[in-house]
Amino acid sequence: MERRNFSIITMIFSFFLMSISGCSQGNSSNSSADWAFSFVVWEGYIYRVSDDYVNEINREIGEVVKYSDIEDTYTSNFSNEYEEGTKFYSIKGIGVEEAIAIKEDGKFRKAIREEKYGKK
């Protein structure tokens, strides 16, 4: 009977250890993000990529210098959607404090300014 109790206790303890080890993801400061929307960061502001395209642009104002789907704070122009080198443009008749355009497959997709980017 003692051997049976020992086996049951061992099985319960093993199950407990396996259960809690699955809950830990380590102490990584970077994690892959499940972003709520596509965006670019330009000049310290986050611009949400819209479904709208614009026809009239003014001039090139910047580009993506880092693509990342890792949640972190970067100090440069980056995106969770577009590759490095993707160009940003000002839009004719719209200030950059409202929106910018992103060159995408020969067209210009509108991105609307949301808020200052960075850890709060």
PDB file of N, CA and C in Angstrom:
ATOM      1  N   MET A   1       0.809  -1.186   0.000  1.00  0.00           N
ATOM      2  CA  MET A   1       0.000   0.000   0.000  1.00  0.00           C
ATOM      3  C   MET A   1       0.864   1.266   0.000  1.00  0.00           C
ATOM      4  N   GLU A   2       2.006   1.252   0.714  1.00  0.00           N
ATOM      5  CA  GLU A   2       2.886   2.411   0.753  1.00  0.00           C
ATOM      6  C   GLU A   2       3.462   2.715  -0.625  1.00  0.00           C
ATOM      7  N   ARG A   3       3.773   1.681  -1.361  1.00  0.00           N
ATOM      8  CA  ARG A   3       4.327   1.874  -2.704  1.00  0.00           C
ATOM      9  C   ARG A   3       3.292   2.542  -3.611  1.00  0.00           C
ATOM     10  N   ARG A   4       2.050   2.176  -3.471  1.00  0.00           N
ATOM     11  CA  ARG A   4       0.980   2.765  -4.269  1.00  0.00           C
ATOM     12  C   ARG A   4       0.834   4.259  -3.928  1.00  0.00           C
ATOM     13  N   ASN A   5       0.847   4.600  -2.664  1.00  0.00           N
ATOM     14  CA  ASN A   5       0.769   6.009  -2.242  1.00  0.00           C
ATOM     15  C   ASN A   5       1.945   6.804  -2.782  1.00  0.00           C
ATOM     16  N   PHE A   6       3.130   6.229  -2.745  1.00  0.00           N
ATOM     17  CA  PHE A   6       4.328   6.890  -3.267  1.00  0.00           C
ATOM     18  C   PHE A   6       4.177   7.151  -4.764  1.00  0.00           C
ATOM     19  N   SER A   7       3.647   6.182  -5.508  1.00  0.00           N
ATOM     20  CA  SER A   7       3.445   6.340  -6.950  1.00  0.00           C
ATOM     21  C   SER A   7       2.433   7.435  -7.248  1.00  0.00           C
ATOM     22  N   ILE A   8       1.352   7.483  -6.483  1.00  0.00           N
ATOM     23  CA  ILE A   8       0.332   8.503  -6.692  1.00  0.00           C
ATOM     24  C   ILE A   8       0.906   9.887  -6.398  1.00  0.00           C
ATOM     25  N   ILE A   9       1.636  10.018  -5.306  1.00  0.00           N
ATOM     26  CA  ILE A   9       2.248  11.305  -4.939  1.00  0.00           C
ATOM     27  C   ILE A   9       3.254  11.727  -6.009  1.00  0.00           C
ATOM     28  N   THR A  10       4.035  10.803  -6.506  1.00  0.00           N
ATOM     29  CA  THR A  10       5.019  11.092  -7.554  1.00  0.00           C
ATOM     30  C   THR A  10       4.312  11.568  -8.822  1.00  0.00           C
ATOM     31  N   MET A  11       3.226  10.910  -9.202  1.00  0.00           N
ATOM     32  CA  MET A  11       2.484  11.307 -10.405  1.00  0.00           C
ATOM     33  C   MET A  11       1.869  12.698 -10.236  1.00  0.00           C
ATOM     34  N   ILE A  12       1.304  12.969  -9.072  1.00  0.00           N
ATOM     35  CA  ILE A  12       0.709  14.288  -8.824  1.00  0.00           C
ATOM     36  C   ILE A  12       1.790  15.368  -8.868  1.00  0.00           C
ATOM     37  N   PHE A  13       2.910  15.130  -8.248  1.00  0.00           N
ATOM     38  CA  PHE A  13       4.018  16.088  -8.233  1.00  0.00           C
ATOM     39  C   PHE A  13       4.534  16.331  -9.656  1.00  0.00           C
ATOM     40  N   SER A  14       4.692  15.255 -10.429  1.00  0.00           N
ATOM     41  CA  SER A  14       5.161  15.390 -11.820  1.00  0.00           C
ATOM     42  C   SER A  14       4.178  16.200 -12.651  1.00  0.00           C
ATOM     43  N   PHE A  15       2.897  15.931 -12.508  1.00  0.00           N
ATOM     44  CA  PHE A  15       1.874  16.674 -13.229  1.00  0.00           C
ATOM     45  C   PHE A  15       1.923  18.148 -12.848  1.00  0.00           C
ATOM     46  N   PHE A  16       2.066  18.433 -11.573  1.00  0.00           N
ATOM     47  CA  PHE A  16       2.164  19.812 -11.093  1.00  0.00           C
ATOM     48  C   PHE A  16       3.356  20.530 -11.724  1.00  0.00           C
ATOM     49  N   LEU A  17       4.520  19.889 -11.748  1.00  0.00           N
ATOM     50  CA  LEU A  17       5.714  20.508 -12.336  1.00  0.00           C
ATOM     51  C   LEU A  17       5.528  20.773 -13.824  1.00  0.00           C
ATOM     52  N   MET A  18       4.944  19.822 -14.535  1.00  0.00           N
ATOM     53  CA  MET A  18       4.714  20.029 -15.973  1.00  0.00           C
ATOM     54  C   MET A  18       3.729  21.164 -16.204  1.00  0.00           C
ATOM     55  N   SER A  19       2.724  21.287 -15.365  1.00  0.00           N
ATOM     56  CA  SER A  19       1.719  22.348 -15.508  1.00  0.00           C
ATOM     57  C   SER A  19       2.327  23.728 -15.335  1.00  0.00           C
ATOM     58  N   ILE A  20       3.122  23.912 -14.298  1.00  0.00           N
ATOM     59  CA  ILE A  20       3.670  25.251 -14.059  1.00  0.00           C
ATOM     60  C   ILE A  20       4.799  25.596 -15.016  1.00  0.00           C
ATOM     61  N   SER A  21       5.510  24.616 -15.535  1.00  0.00           N
ATOM     62  CA  SER A  21       6.598  24.926 -16.475  1.00  0.00           C
ATOM     63  C   SER A  21       6.039  25.429 -17.798  1.00  0.00           C
ATOM     64  N   GLY A  22       4.836  25.048 -18.174  1.00  0.00           N
ATOM     65  CA  GLY A  22       4.215  25.525 -19.399  1.00  0.00           C
ATOM     66  C   GLY A  22       3.760  26.969 -19.308  1.00  0.00           C
ATOM     67  N   CYS A  23       3.623  27.503 -18.113  1.00  0.00           N
ATOM     68  CA  CYS A  23       3.162  28.879 -17.923  1.00  0.00           C
ATOM     69  C   CYS A  23       4.279  29.893 -18.066  1.00  0.00           C
ATOM     70  N   SER A  24       5.500  29.478 -17.949  1.00  0.00           N
ATOM     71  CA  SER A  24       6.626  30.402 -17.992  1.00  0.00           C
ATOM     72  C   SER A  24       7.116  30.576 -19.416  1.00  0.00           C
ATOM     73  N   GLN A  25       7.367  31.845 -19.801  1.00  0.00           N
ATOM     74  CA  GLN A  25       7.924  32.132 -21.118  1.00  0.00           C
ATOM     75  C   GLN A  25       9.309  32.728 -20.990  1.00  0.00           C
ATOM     76  N   GLY A  26       9.886  32.628 -19.858  1.00  0.00           N
ATOM     77  CA  GLY A  26      11.221  33.190 -19.656  1.00  0.00           C
ATOM     78  C   GLY A  26      11.144  34.675 -19.397  1.00  0.00           C
ATOM     79  N   ASN A  27      12.311  35.296 -19.315  1.00  0.00           N
ATOM     80  CA  ASN A  27      12.377  36.711 -19.012  1.00  0.00           C
ATOM     81  C   ASN A  27      12.880  37.480 -20.225  1.00  0.00           C
ATOM     82  N   SER A  28      12.216  37.300 -21.337  1.00  0.00           N
ATOM     83  CA  SER A  28      12.619  37.982 -22.559  1.00  0.00           C
ATOM     84  C   SER A  28      12.002  39.367 -22.603  1.00  0.00           C
ATOM     85  N   SER A  29      12.804  40.375 -22.911  1.00  0.00           N
ATOM     86  CA  SER A  29      12.285  41.734 -22.985  1.00  0.00           C
ATOM     87  C   SER A  29      11.616  41.997 -24.326  1.00  0.00           C
ATOM     88  N   ASN A  30      11.909  41.203 -25.340  1.00  0.00           N
ATOM     89  CA  ASN A  30      11.293  41.371 -26.649  1.00  0.00           C
ATOM     90  C   ASN A  30      10.338  40.222 -26.888  1.00  0.00           C
ATOM     91  N   SER A  31       9.143  40.550 -27.378  1.00  0.00           N
ATOM     92  CA  SER A  31       8.193  39.518 -27.705  1.00  0.00           C
ATOM     93  C   SER A  31       7.521  39.863 -29.015  1.00  0.00           C
ATOM     94  N   SER A  32       7.158  38.827 -29.756  1.00  0.00           N
ATOM     95  CA  SER A  32       6.456  39.049 -30.994  1.00  0.00           C
ATOM     96  C   SER A  32       5.099  39.646 -30.673  1.00  0.00           C
ATOM     97  N   ALA A  33       4.740  40.690 -31.374  1.00  0.00           N
ATOM     98  CA  ALA A  33       3.506  41.396 -31.059  1.00  0.00           C
ATOM     99  C   ALA A  33       2.379  40.968 -31.979  1.00  0.00           C
ATOM    100  N   ASP A  34       1.192  41.008 -31.459  1.00  0.00           N
ATOM    101  CA  ASP A  34      -0.009  40.812 -32.242  1.00  0.00           C
ATOM    102  C   ASP A  34      -0.624  42.196 -32.383  1.00  0.00           C
ATOM    103  N   TRP A  35      -0.126  42.960 -33.358  1.00  0.00           N
ATOM    104  CA  TRP A  35      -0.530  44.346 -33.507  1.00  0.00           C
ATOM    105  C   TRP A  35      -2.004  44.436 -33.879  1.00  0.00           C
ATOM    106  N   ALA A  36      -2.675  45.445 -33.368  1.00  0.00           N
ATOM    107  CA  ALA A  36      -4.090  45.676 -33.667  1.00  0.00           C
ATOM    108  C   ALA A  36      -4.273  46.261 -35.066  1.00  0.00           C
ATOM    109  N   PHE A  37      -3.241  46.904 -35.591  1.00  0.00           N
ATOM    110  CA  PHE A  37      -3.321  47.519 -36.911  1.00  0.00           C
ATOM    111  C   PHE A  37      -1.918  47.700 -37.484  1.00  0.00           C
ATOM    112  N   SER A  38      -1.854  47.919 -38.795  1.00  0.00           N
ATOM    113  CA  SER A  38      -0.584  48.204 -39.466  1.00  0.00           C
ATOM    114  C   SER A  38      -0.243  49.670 -39.262  1.00  0.00           C
ATOM    115  N   PHE A  39       1.039  49.954 -39.077  1.00  0.00           N
ATOM    116  CA  PHE A  39       1.438  51.337 -38.855  1.00  0.00           C
ATOM    117  C   PHE A  39       2.859  51.586 -39.315  1.00  0.00           C
ATOM    118  N   VAL A  40       3.178  52.884 -39.407  1.00  0.00           N
ATOM    119  CA  VAL A  40       4.552  53.351 -39.567  1.00  0.00           C
ATOM    120  C   VAL A  40       4.787  54.380 -38.472  1.00  0.00           C
ATOM    121  N   VAL A  41       6.028  54.525 -38.077  1.00  0.00           N
ATOM    122  CA  VAL A  41       6.400  55.591 -37.153  1.00  0.00           C
ATOM    123  C   VAL A  41       7.300  56.533 -37.936  1.00  0.00           C
ATOM    124  N   TRP A  42       6.928  57.801 -37.924  1.00  0.00           N
ATOM    125  CA  TRP A  42       7.716  58.830 -38.596  1.00  0.00           C
ATOM    126  C   TRP A  42       7.802  60.043 -37.680  1.00  0.00           C
ATOM    127  N   GLU A  43       9.008  60.523 -37.496  1.00  0.00           N
ATOM    128  CA  GLU A  43       9.266  61.709 -36.676  1.00  0.00           C
ATOM    129  C   GLU A  43       8.642  61.602 -35.285  1.00  0.00           C
ATOM    130  N   GLY A  44       8.666  60.388 -34.720  1.00  0.00           N
ATOM    131  CA  GLY A  44       8.204  60.192 -33.358  1.00  0.00           C
ATOM    132  C   GLY A  44       6.708  59.995 -33.188  1.00  0.00           C
ATOM    133  N   TYR A  45       5.954  59.954 -34.287  1.00  0.00           N
ATOM    134  CA  TYR A  45       4.507  59.752 -34.215  1.00  0.00           C
ATOM    135  C   TYR A  45       4.117  58.465 -34.936  1.00  0.00           C
ATOM    136  N   ILE A  46       3.084  57.832 -34.420  1.00  0.00           N
ATOM    137  CA  ILE A  46       2.569  56.625 -35.041  1.00  0.00           C
ATOM    138  C   ILE A  46       1.475  57.020 -36.034  1.00  0.00           C
ATOM    139  N   TYR A  47       1.564  56.460 -37.231  1.00  0.00           N
ATOM    140  CA  TYR A  47       0.584  56.704 -38.283  1.00  0.00           C
ATOM    141  C   TYR A  47      -0.078  55.373 -38.631  1.00  0.00           C
ATOM    142  N   ARG A  48      -1.385  55.311 -38.417  1.00  0.00           N
ATOM    143  CA  ARG A  48      -2.151  54.098 -38.713  1.00  0.00           C
ATOM    144  C   ARG A  48      -2.416  54.025 -40.213  1.00  0.00           C
ATOM    145  N   VAL A  49      -2.065  52.900 -40.823  1.00  0.00           N
ATOM    146  CA  VAL A  49      -2.267  52.708 -42.252  1.00  0.00           C
ATOM    147  C   VAL A  49      -3.761  52.512 -42.506  1.00  0.00           C
ATOM    148  N   SER A  50      -4.312  53.324 -43.401  1.00  0.00           N
ATOM    149  CA  SER A  50      -5.743  53.237 -43.718  1.00  0.00           C
ATOM    150  C   SER A  50      -5.943  52.417 -44.996  1.00  0.00           C
ATOM    151  N   ASP A  51      -7.188  52.240 -45.362  1.00  0.00           N
ATOM    152  CA  ASP A  51      -7.525  51.556 -46.612  1.00  0.00           C
ATOM    153  C   ASP A  51      -7.601  52.530 -47.776  1.00  0.00           C
ATOM    154  N   ASP A  52      -7.422  53.823 -47.501  1.00  0.00           N
ATOM    155  CA  ASP A  52      -7.551  54.862 -48.523  1.00  0.00           C
ATOM    156  C   ASP A  52      -6.232  55.108 -49.237  1.00  0.00           C
ATOM    157  N   TYR A  53      -6.351  55.447 -50.518  1.00  0.00           N
ATOM    158  CA  TYR A  53      -5.194  55.832 -51.323  1.00  0.00           C
ATOM    159  C   TYR A  53      -5.354  57.292 -51.719  1.00  0.00           C
ATOM    160  N   VAL A  54      -4.235  57.969 -51.925  1.00  0.00           N
ATOM    161  CA  VAL A  54      -4.257  59.362 -52.368  1.00  0.00           C
ATOM    162  C   VAL A  54      -3.580  59.448 -53.725  1.00  0.00           C
ATOM    163  N   ASN A  55      -3.987  60.455 -54.499  1.00  0.00           N
ATOM    164  CA  ASN A  55      -3.446  60.625 -55.843  1.00  0.00           C
ATOM    165  C   ASN A  55      -2.401  61.719 -55.934  1.00  0.00           C
ATOM    166  N   GLU A  56      -2.520  62.723 -55.066  1.00  0.00           N
ATOM    167  CA  GLU A  56      -1.622  63.864 -55.163  1.00  0.00           C
ATOM    168  C   GLU A  56      -0.709  63.952 -53.951  1.00  0.00           C
ATOM    169  N   ILE A  57       0.583  63.799 -54.196  1.00  0.00           N
ATOM    170  CA  ILE A  57       1.570  63.904 -53.131  1.00  0.00           C
ATOM    171  C   ILE A  57       2.454  65.111 -53.383  1.00  0.00           C
ATOM    172  N   ASN A  58       3.109  65.575 -52.319  1.00  0.00           N
ATOM    173  CA  ASN A  58       4.028  66.703 -52.465  1.00  0.00           C
ATOM    174  C   ASN A  58       5.445  66.215 -52.703  1.00  0.00           C
ATOM    175  N   ARG A  59       6.044  65.709 -51.645  1.00  0.00           N
ATOM    176  CA  ARG A  59       7.462  65.326 -51.760  1.00  0.00           C
ATOM    177  C   ARG A  59       7.767  64.189 -50.801  1.00  0.00           C
ATOM    178  N   GLU A  60       8.886  63.541 -51.047  1.00  0.00           N
ATOM    179  CA  GLU A  60       9.358  62.486 -50.151  1.00  0.00           C
ATOM    180  C   GLU A  60       9.814  63.124 -48.844  1.00  0.00           C
ATOM    181  N   ILE A  61       9.410  62.513 -47.717  1.00  0.00           N
ATOM    182  CA  ILE A  61       9.776  63.071 -46.410  1.00  0.00           C
ATOM    183  C   ILE A  61      10.556  62.095 -45.533  1.00  0.00           C
ATOM    184  N   GLY A  62      10.633  60.844 -45.937  1.00  0.00           N
ATOM    185  CA  GLY A  62      11.361  59.866 -45.131  1.00  0.00           C
ATOM    186  C   GLY A  62      11.157  58.463 -45.665  1.00  0.00           C
ATOM    187  N   GLU A  63      11.633  57.496 -44.871  1.00  0.00           N
ATOM    188  CA  GLU A  63      11.488  56.099 -45.261  1.00  0.00           C
ATOM    189  C   GLU A  63      11.581  55.203 -44.037  1.00  0.00           C
ATOM    190  N   VAL A  64      11.121  53.985 -44.218  1.00  0.00           N
ATOM    191  CA  VAL A  64      11.235  52.983 -43.160  1.00  0.00           C
ATOM    192  C   VAL A  64      12.704  52.613 -43.043  1.00  0.00           C
ATOM    193  N   VAL A  65      13.272  52.743 -41.860  1.00  0.00           N
ATOM    194  CA  VAL A  65      14.657  52.342 -41.645  1.00  0.00           C
ATOM    195  C   VAL A  65      14.748  51.024 -40.887  1.00  0.00           C
ATOM    196  N   LYS A  66      13.599  50.579 -40.346  1.00  0.00           N
ATOM    197  CA  LYS A  66      13.583  49.300 -39.644  1.00  0.00           C
ATOM    198  C   LYS A  66      12.194  48.706 -39.716  1.00  0.00           C
ATOM    199  N   TYR A  67      12.122  47.457 -40.163  1.00  0.00           N
ATOM    200  CA  TYR A  67      10.884  46.684 -40.088  1.00  0.00           C
ATOM    201  C   TYR A  67      10.979  45.833 -38.832  1.00  0.00           C
ATOM    202  N   SER A  68       9.910  45.748 -38.072  1.00  0.00           N
ATOM    203  CA  SER A  68       9.930  44.894 -36.897  1.00  0.00           C
ATOM    204  C   SER A  68       8.531  44.472 -36.501  1.00  0.00           C
ATOM    205  N   ASP A  69       8.393  43.189 -36.183  1.00  0.00           N
ATOM    206  CA  ASP A  69       7.148  42.717 -35.585  1.00  0.00           C
ATOM    207  C   ASP A  69       7.401  42.341 -34.128  1.00  0.00           C
ATOM    208  N   ILE A  70       8.512  42.837 -33.597  1.00  0.00           N
ATOM    209  CA  ILE A  70       8.852  42.641 -32.184  1.00  0.00           C
ATOM    210  C   ILE A  70       8.420  43.885 -31.418  1.00  0.00           C
ATOM    211  N   GLU A  71       7.707  43.670 -30.340  1.00  0.00           N
ATOM    212  CA  GLU A  71       7.221  44.785 -29.536  1.00  0.00           C
ATOM    213  C   GLU A  71       8.389  45.406 -28.770  1.00  0.00           C
ATOM    214  N   ASP A  72       8.689  46.637 -29.076  1.00  0.00           N
ATOM    215  CA  ASP A  72       9.783  47.358 -28.448  1.00  0.00           C
ATOM    216  C   ASP A  72       9.650  48.823 -28.856  1.00  0.00           C
ATOM    217  N   THR A  73      10.475  49.656 -28.312  1.00  0.00           N
ATOM    218  CA  THR A  73      10.470  51.058 -28.706  1.00  0.00           C
ATOM    219  C   THR A  73      11.718  51.335 -29.519  1.00  0.00           C
ATOM    220  N   TYR A  74      11.524  51.852 -30.709  1.00  0.00           N
ATOM    221  CA  TYR A  74      12.633  52.224 -31.578  1.00  0.00           C
ATOM    222  C   TYR A  74      12.670  53.736 -31.674  1.00  0.00           C
ATOM    223  N   THR A  75      13.834  54.269 -31.922  1.00  0.00           N
ATOM    224  CA  THR A  75      13.957  55.713 -32.008  1.00  0.00           C
ATOM    225  C   THR A  75      13.951  56.195 -33.451  1.00  0.00           C
ATOM    226  N   SER A  76      13.892  55.284 -34.382  1.00  0.00           N
ATOM    227  CA  SER A  76      13.925  55.665 -35.789  1.00  0.00           C
ATOM    228  C   SER A  76      12.575  55.405 -36.443  1.00  0.00           C
ATOM    229  N   ASN A  77      12.494  55.738 -37.726  1.00  0.00           N
ATOM    230  CA  ASN A  77      11.286  55.491 -38.500  1.00  0.00           C
ATOM    231  C   ASN A  77      11.188  53.992 -38.762  1.00  0.00           C
ATOM    232  N   PHE A  78      10.135  53.376 -38.264  1.00  0.00           N
ATOM    233  CA  PHE A  78       9.988  51.941 -38.472  1.00  0.00           C
ATOM    234  C   PHE A  78       8.542  51.581 -38.730  1.00  0.00           C
ATOM    235  N   SER A  79       8.322  50.317 -39.090  1.00  0.00           N
ATOM    236  CA  SER A  79       6.985  49.851 -39.404  1.00  0.00           C
ATOM    237  C   SER A  79       6.821  48.392 -39.005  1.00  0.00           C
ATOM    238  N   ASN A  80       5.597  48.034 -38.688  1.00  0.00           N
ATOM    239  CA  ASN A  80       5.278  46.631 -38.441  1.00  0.00           C
ATOM    240  C   ASN A  80       4.695  45.987 -39.695  1.00  0.00           C
ATOM    241  N   GLU A  81       4.663  46.738 -40.791  1.00  0.00           N
ATOM    242  CA  GLU A  81       4.063  46.266 -42.045  1.00  0.00           C
ATOM    243  C   GLU A  81       5.008  46.360 -43.234  1.00  0.00           C
ATOM    244  N   TYR A  82       5.735  47.461 -43.338  1.00  0.00           N
ATOM    245  CA  TYR A  82       6.521  47.756 -44.533  1.00  0.00           C
ATOM    246  C   TYR A  82       8.010  47.480 -44.331  1.00  0.00           C
ATOM    247  N   GLU A  83       8.645  47.071 -45.420  1.00  0.00           N
ATOM    248  CA  GLU A  83      10.073  46.748 -45.400  1.00  0.00           C
ATOM    249  C   GLU A  83      10.925  48.008 -45.339  1.00  0.00           C
ATOM    250  N   GLU A  84      12.160  47.818 -44.929  1.00  0.00           N
ATOM    251  CA  GLU A  84      13.131  48.908 -44.920  1.00  0.00           C
ATOM    252  C   GLU A  84      13.229  49.493 -46.325  1.00  0.00           C
ATOM    253  N   GLY A  85      13.291  50.816 -46.392  1.00  0.00           N
ATOM    254  CA  GLY A  85      13.397  51.496 -47.685  1.00  0.00           C
ATOM    255  C   GLY A  85      12.061  51.974 -48.235  1.00  0.00           C
ATOM    256  N   THR A  86      10.945  51.545 -47.658  1.00  0.00           N
ATOM    257  CA  THR A  86       9.635  52.020 -48.108  1.00  0.00           C
ATOM    258  C   THR A  86       9.547  53.522 -47.831  1.00  0.00           C
ATOM    259  N   LYS A  87       9.156  54.297 -48.829  1.00  0.00           N
ATOM    260  CA  LYS A  87       9.180  55.765 -48.749  1.00  0.00           C
ATOM    261  C   LYS A  87       7.886  56.352 -48.179  1.00  0.00           C
ATOM    262  N   PHE A  88       8.060  57.494 -47.455  1.00  0.00           N
ATOM    263  CA  PHE A  88       6.946  58.279 -46.930  1.00  0.00           C
ATOM    264  C   PHE A  88       6.894  59.589 -47.709  1.00  0.00           C
ATOM    265  N   TYR A  89       5.673  60.104 -47.916  1.00  0.00           N
ATOM    266  CA  TYR A  89       5.476  61.343 -48.659  1.00  0.00           C
ATOM    267  C   TYR A  89       4.470  62.235 -47.935  1.00  0.00           C
ATOM    268  N   SER A  90       4.646  63.545 -48.122  1.00  0.00           N
ATOM    269  CA  SER A  90       3.605  64.464 -47.667  1.00  0.00           C
ATOM    270  C   SER A  90       2.514  64.459 -48.728  1.00  0.00           C
ATOM    271  N   ILE A  91       1.298  64.763 -48.291  1.00  0.00           N
ATOM    272  CA  ILE A  91       0.130  64.730 -49.177  1.00  0.00           C
ATOM    273  C   ILE A  91      -0.284  66.160 -49.496  1.00  0.00           C
ATOM    274  N   LYS A  92      -0.524  66.422 -50.769  1.00  0.00           N
ATOM    275  CA  LYS A  92      -0.928  67.762 -51.189  1.00  0.00           C
ATOM    276  C   LYS A  92      -2.247  68.146 -50.520  1.00  0.00           C
ATOM    277  N   GLY A  93      -2.236  69.295 -49.832  1.00  0.00           N
ATOM    278  CA  GLY A  93      -3.432  69.822 -49.190  1.00  0.00           C
ATOM    279  C   GLY A  93      -3.695  69.265 -47.794  1.00  0.00           C
ATOM    280  N   ILE A  94      -2.840  68.375 -47.296  1.00  0.00           N
ATOM    281  CA  ILE A  94      -3.016  67.794 -45.960  1.00  0.00           C
ATOM    282  C   ILE A  94      -1.689  67.912 -45.217  1.00  0.00           C
ATOM    283  N   GLY A  95      -1.704  68.456 -44.025  1.00  0.00           N
ATOM    284  CA  GLY A  95      -0.493  68.605 -43.233  1.00  0.00           C
ATOM    285  C   GLY A  95      -0.018  67.262 -42.678  1.00  0.00           C
ATOM    286  N   VAL A  96       1.280  67.124 -42.449  1.00  0.00           N
ATOM    287  CA  VAL A  96       1.841  65.881 -41.912  1.00  0.00           C
ATOM    288  C   VAL A  96       1.383  65.616 -40.484  1.00  0.00           C
ATOM    289  N   GLU A  97       0.856  66.661 -39.806  1.00  0.00           N
ATOM    290  CA  GLU A  97       0.308  66.434 -38.470  1.00  0.00           C
ATOM    291  C   GLU A  97      -1.052  65.742 -38.543  1.00  0.00           C
ATOM    292  N   GLU A  98      -1.594  65.608 -39.745  1.00  0.00           N
ATOM    293  CA  GLU A  98      -2.853  64.889 -39.951  1.00  0.00           C
ATOM    294  C   GLU A  98      -2.629  63.520 -40.604  1.00  0.00           C
ATOM    295  N   ALA A  99      -1.820  63.496 -41.678  1.00  0.00           N
ATOM    296  CA  ALA A  99      -1.611  62.232 -42.404  1.00  0.00           C
ATOM    297  C   ALA A  99      -0.386  62.335 -43.304  1.00  0.00           C
ATOM    298  N   ILE A 100       0.140  61.168 -43.675  1.00  0.00           N
ATOM    299  CA  ILE A 100       1.211  61.056 -44.661  1.00  0.00           C
ATOM    300  C   ILE A 100       0.807  59.948 -45.646  1.00  0.00           C
ATOM    301  N   ALA A 101       1.589  59.800 -46.707  1.00  0.00           N
ATOM    302  CA  ALA A 101       1.346  58.740 -47.685  1.00  0.00           C
ATOM    303  C   ALA A 101       2.533  57.781 -47.691  1.00  0.00           C
ATOM    304  N   ILE A 102       2.243  56.522 -47.915  1.00  0.00           N
ATOM    305  CA  ILE A 102       3.268  55.481 -47.974  1.00  0.00           C
ATOM    306  C   ILE A 102       3.234  54.887 -49.374  1.00  0.00           C
ATOM    307  N   LYS A 103       4.390  54.855 -50.028  1.00  0.00           N
ATOM    308  CA  LYS A 103       4.433  54.297 -51.383  1.00  0.00           C
ATOM    309  C   LYS A 103       4.326  52.784 -51.294  1.00  0.00           C
ATOM    310  N   GLU A 104       3.312  52.261 -51.995  1.00  0.00           N
ATOM    311  CA  GLU A 104       3.014  50.832 -51.938  1.00  0.00           C
ATOM    312  C   GLU A 104       2.629  50.357 -53.333  1.00  0.00           C
ATOM    313  N   ASP A 105       3.475  49.562 -53.940  1.00  0.00           N
ATOM    314  CA  ASP A 105       3.195  49.010 -55.276  1.00  0.00           C
ATOM    315  C   ASP A 105       2.824  50.083 -56.295  1.00  0.00           C
ATOM    316  N   GLY A 106       3.555  51.191 -56.289  1.00  0.00           N
ATOM    317  CA  GLY A 106       3.327  52.256 -57.258  1.00  0.00           C
ATOM    318  C   GLY A 106       2.175  53.183 -56.912  1.00  0.00           C
ATOM    319  N   LYS A 107       1.470  52.909 -55.825  1.00  0.00           N
ATOM    320  CA  LYS A 107       0.370  53.766 -55.363  1.00  0.00           C
ATOM    321  C   LYS A 107       0.766  54.374 -54.019  1.00  0.00           C
ATOM    322  N   PHE A 108      -0.057  55.300 -53.534  1.00  0.00           N
ATOM    323  CA  PHE A 108       0.246  55.986 -52.286  1.00  0.00           C
ATOM    324  C   PHE A 108      -0.899  55.770 -51.296  1.00  0.00           C
ATOM    325  N   ARG A 109      -0.618  54.992 -50.266  1.00  0.00           N
ATOM    326  CA  ARG A 109      -1.619  54.679 -49.243  1.00  0.00           C
ATOM    327  C   ARG A 109      -1.545  55.712 -48.128  1.00  0.00           C
ATOM    328  N   LYS A 110      -2.691  56.166 -47.711  1.00  0.00           N
ATOM    329  CA  LYS A 110      -2.791  57.183 -46.658  1.00  0.00           C
ATOM    330  C   LYS A 110      -2.603  56.540 -45.286  1.00  0.00           C
ATOM    331  N   ALA A 111      -1.820  57.207 -44.441  1.00  0.00           N
ATOM    332  CA  ALA A 111      -1.616  56.785 -43.055  1.00  0.00           C
ATOM    333  C   ALA A 111      -1.952  57.973 -42.162  1.00  0.00           C
ATOM    334  N   ILE A 112      -2.839  57.764 -41.222  1.00  0.00           N
ATOM    335  CA  ILE A 112      -3.369  58.835 -40.388  1.00  0.00           C
ATOM    336  C   ILE A 112      -2.641  58.886 -39.046  1.00  0.00           C
ATOM    337  N   ARG A 113      -2.194  60.081 -38.679  1.00  0.00           N
ATOM    338  CA  ARG A 113      -1.441  60.249 -37.435  1.00  0.00           C
ATOM    339  C   ARG A 113      -2.336  59.979 -36.232  1.00  0.00           C
ATOM    340  N   GLU A 114      -1.807  59.151 -35.323  1.00  0.00           N
ATOM    341  CA  GLU A 114      -2.541  58.754 -34.127  1.00  0.00           C
ATOM    342  C   GLU A 114      -2.058  59.511 -32.886  1.00  0.00           C
ATOM    343  N   GLU A 115      -0.829  59.246 -32.486  1.00  0.00           N
ATOM    344  CA  GLU A 115      -0.305  59.805 -31.241  1.00  0.00           C
ATOM    345  C   GLU A 115       1.208  59.710 -31.233  1.00  0.00           C
ATOM    346  N   LYS A 116       1.809  60.323 -30.241  1.00  0.00           N
ATOM    347  CA  LYS A 116       3.255  60.231 -30.042  1.00  0.00           C
ATOM    348  C   LYS A 116       3.598  58.775 -29.797  1.00  0.00           C
ATOM    349  N   TYR A 117       4.689  58.296 -30.387  1.00  0.00           N
ATOM    350  CA  TYR A 117       5.082  56.898 -30.219  1.00  0.00           C
ATOM    351  C   TYR A 117       6.110  56.768 -29.110  1.00  0.00           C
ATOM    352  N   GLY A 118       5.991  55.735 -28.327  1.00  0.00           N
ATOM    353  CA  GLY A 118       6.980  55.449 -27.300  1.00  0.00           C
ATOM    354  C   GLY A 118       6.333  54.850 -26.078  1.00  0.00           C
ATOM    355  N   LYS A 119       7.185  54.340 -25.212  1.00  0.00           N
ATOM    356  CA  LYS A 119       6.694  53.763 -23.959  1.00  0.00           C
ATOM    357  C   LYS A 119       6.104  54.851 -23.101  1.00  0.00           C
ATOM    358  N   LYS A 120       4.995  54.514 -22.471  1.00  0.00           N
ATOM    359  CA  LYS A 120       4.297  55.518 -21.660  1.00  0.00           C
ATOM    360  C   LYS A 120       4.553  55.299 -20.210  1.00  0.00           C
TER     361      LYS A 120
END
